Amino acid sequence: MRFKGLDLNLLVVLDALLTERNLSAAARRINLS
């Protein structure tokens, strides 16, 4: 797997989505809404 172009911020988003199981709640968790 190549990590050169990987945006590590996406891991934060993925973690929030998996934790909250809800897109709106995940957005609130990472202060995007």
PDB file of N, CA and C in Angstrom:
ATOM      1  N   MET A   1       0.844  -1.178   0.000  1.00  0.00           N
ATOM      2  CA  MET A   1       0.000   0.000   0.000  1.00  0.00           C
ATOM      3  C   MET A   1       0.890   1.242   0.000  1.00  0.00           C
ATOM      4  N   ARG A   2       0.488   2.238  -0.779  1.00  0.00           N
ATOM      5  CA  ARG A   2       1.254   3.482  -0.854  1.00  0.00           C
ATOM      6  C   ARG A   2       0.616   4.536   0.042  1.00  0.00           C
ATOM      7  N   PHE A   3       1.422   5.136   0.896  1.00  0.00           N
ATOM      8  CA  PHE A   3       0.924   6.127   1.850  1.00  0.00           C
ATOM      9  C   PHE A   3       1.327   7.553   1.481  1.00  0.00           C
ATOM     10  N   LYS A   4       2.070   7.706   0.397  1.00  0.00           N
ATOM     11  CA  LYS A   4       2.594   9.025   0.047  1.00  0.00           C
ATOM     12  C   LYS A   4       1.482  10.057  -0.140  1.00  0.00           C
ATOM     13  N   GLY A   5       0.405   9.697  -0.797  1.00  0.00           N
ATOM     14  CA  GLY A   5      -0.673  10.647  -1.058  1.00  0.00           C
ATOM     15  C   GLY A   5      -1.814  10.574  -0.063  1.00  0.00           C
ATOM     16  N   LEU A   6      -1.638   9.820   1.005  1.00  0.00           N
ATOM     17  CA  LEU A   6      -2.716   9.634   1.980  1.00  0.00           C
ATOM     18  C   LEU A   6      -2.868  10.853   2.884  1.00  0.00           C
ATOM     19  N   ASP A   7      -4.081  11.343   2.962  1.00  0.00           N
ATOM     20  CA  ASP A   7      -4.387  12.459   3.866  1.00  0.00           C
ATOM     21  C   ASP A   7      -4.718  11.855   5.233  1.00  0.00           C
ATOM     22  N   LEU A   8      -3.842  12.056   6.198  1.00  0.00           N
ATOM     23  CA  LEU A   8      -4.025  11.444   7.517  1.00  0.00           C
ATOM     24  C   LEU A   8      -5.245  11.990   8.251  1.00  0.00           C
ATOM     25  N   ASN A   9      -5.738  13.146   7.832  1.00  0.00           N
ATOM     26  CA  ASN A   9      -6.957  13.676   8.439  1.00  0.00           C
ATOM     27  C   ASN A   9      -8.153  12.766   8.163  1.00  0.00           C
ATOM     28  N   LEU A  10      -8.077  11.983   7.092  1.00  0.00           N
ATOM     29  CA  LEU A  10      -9.165  11.056   6.790  1.00  0.00           C
ATOM     30  C   LEU A  10      -9.289   9.976   7.860  1.00  0.00           C
ATOM     31  N   LEU A  11      -8.188   9.659   8.533  1.00  0.00           N
ATOM     32  CA  LEU A  11      -8.247   8.676   9.618  1.00  0.00           C
ATOM     33  C   LEU A  11      -9.062   9.213  10.791  1.00  0.00           C
ATOM     34  N   VAL A  12      -8.971  10.510  11.032  1.00  0.00           N
ATOM     35  CA  VAL A  12      -9.763  11.138  12.090  1.00  0.00           C
ATOM     36  C   VAL A  12     -11.241  11.055  11.730  1.00  0.00           C
ATOM     37  N   VAL A  13     -11.555  11.320  10.468  1.00  0.00           N
ATOM     38  CA  VAL A  13     -12.940  11.245   9.995  1.00  0.00           C
ATOM     39  C   VAL A  13     -13.452   9.814  10.105  1.00  0.00           C
ATOM     40  N   LEU A  14     -12.660   8.855   9.676  1.00  0.00           N
ATOM     41  CA  LEU A  14     -13.061   7.450   9.752  1.00  0.00           C
ATOM     42  C   LEU A  14     -13.302   7.026  11.194  1.00  0.00           C
ATOM     43  N   ASP A  15     -12.425   7.427  12.097  1.00  0.00           N
ATOM     44  CA  ASP A  15     -12.591   7.099  13.512  1.00  0.00           C
ATOM     45  C   ASP A  15     -13.897   7.670  14.051  1.00  0.00           C
ATOM     46  N   ALA A  16     -14.192   8.916  13.706  1.00  0.00           N
ATOM     47  CA  ALA A  16     -15.428   9.544  14.176  1.00  0.00           C
ATOM     48  C   ALA A  16     -16.652   8.822  13.619  1.00  0.00           C
ATOM     49  N   LEU A  17     -16.603   8.459  12.340  1.00  0.00           N
ATOM     50  CA  LEU A  17     -17.736   7.752  11.732  1.00  0.00           C
ATOM     51  C   LEU A  17     -17.954   6.387  12.374  1.00  0.00           C
ATOM     52  N   LEU A  18     -16.873   5.668  12.610  1.00  0.00           N
ATOM     53  CA  LEU A  18     -17.005   4.340  13.207  1.00  0.00           C
ATOM     54  C   LEU A  18     -17.460   4.418  14.658  1.00  0.00           C
ATOM     55  N   THR A  19     -17.063   5.465  15.353  1.00  0.00           N
ATOM     56  CA  THR A  19     -17.453   5.635  16.748  1.00  0.00           C
ATOM     57  C   THR A  19     -18.909   6.060  16.866  1.00  0.00           C
ATOM     58  N   GLU A  20     -19.293   7.051  16.078  1.00  0.00           N
ATOM     59  CA  GLU A  20     -20.636   7.627  16.185  1.00  0.00           C
ATOM     60  C   GLU A  20     -21.697   6.840  15.420  1.00  0.00           C
ATOM     61  N   ARG A  21     -21.298   6.180  14.336  1.00  0.00           N
ATOM     62  CA  ARG A  21     -22.231   5.456  13.463  1.00  0.00           C
ATOM     63  C   ARG A  21     -23.329   6.363  12.915  1.00  0.00           C
ATOM     64  N   ASN A  22     -23.010   7.636  12.774  1.00  0.00           N
ATOM     65  CA  ASN A  22     -23.971   8.614  12.275  1.00  0.00           C
ATOM     66  C   ASN A  22     -23.163   9.768  11.694  1.00  0.00           C
ATOM     67  N   LEU A  23     -23.460  10.136  10.448  1.00  0.00           N
ATOM     68  CA  LEU A  23     -22.668  11.158   9.773  1.00  0.00           C
ATOM     69  C   LEU A  23     -22.761  12.515  10.456  1.00  0.00           C
ATOM     70  N   SER A  24     -23.963  12.909  10.855  1.00  0.00           N
ATOM     71  CA  SER A  24     -24.138  14.213  11.506  1.00  0.00           C
ATOM     72  C   SER A  24     -23.419  14.257  12.851  1.00  0.00           C
ATOM     73  N   ALA A  25     -23.530  13.183  13.617  1.00  0.00           N
ATOM     74  CA  ALA A  25     -22.858  13.126  14.918  1.00  0.00           C
ATOM     75  C   ALA A  25     -21.341  13.119  14.734  1.00  0.00           C
ATOM     76  N   ALA A  26     -20.870  12.424  13.717  1.00  0.00           N
ATOM     77  CA  ALA A  26     -19.431  12.391  13.450  1.00  0.00           C
ATOM     78  C   ALA A  26     -18.927  13.779  13.063  1.00  0.00           C
ATOM     79  N   ALA A  27     -19.706  14.498  12.270  1.00  0.00           N
ATOM     80  CA  ALA A  27     -19.317  15.861  11.878  1.00  0.00           C
ATOM     81  C   ALA A  27     -19.245  16.774  13.096  1.00  0.00           C
ATOM     82  N   ARG A  28     -20.213  16.638  13.988  1.00  0.00           N
ATOM     83  CA  ARG A  28     -20.176  17.435  15.221  1.00  0.00           C
ATOM     84  C   ARG A  28     -18.962  17.065  16.062  1.00  0.00           C
ATOM     85  N   ARG A  29     -18.646  15.789  16.106  1.00  0.00           N
ATOM     86  CA  ARG A  29     -17.518  15.304  16.914  1.00  0.00           C
ATOM     87  C   ARG A  29     -16.194  15.921  16.459  1.00  0.00           C
ATOM     88  N   ILE A  30     -16.049  16.106  15.145  1.00  0.00           N
ATOM     89  CA  ILE A  30     -14.795  16.678  14.639  1.00  0.00           C
ATOM     90  C   ILE A  30     -14.963  18.155  14.265  1.00  0.00           C
ATOM     91  N   ASN A  31     -16.026  18.755  14.801  1.00  0.00           N
ATOM     92  CA  ASN A  31     -16.273  20.197  14.660  1.00  0.00           C
ATOM     93  C   ASN A  31     -16.399  20.660  13.215  1.00  0.00           C
ATOM     94  N   LEU A  32     -17.160  19.914  12.414  1.00  0.00           N
ATOM     95  CA  LEU A  32     -17.395  20.312  11.026  1.00  0.00           C
ATOM     96  C   LEU A  32     -18.802  20.830  10.790  1.00  0.00           C
ATOM     97  N   SER A  33     -19.634  20.785  11.800  1.00  0.00           N
ATOM     98  CA  SER A  33     -20.999  21.299  11.593  1.00  0.00           C
ATOM     99  C   SER A  33     -21.405  22.193  12.735  1.00  0.00           C
TER     100      SER A  33
END
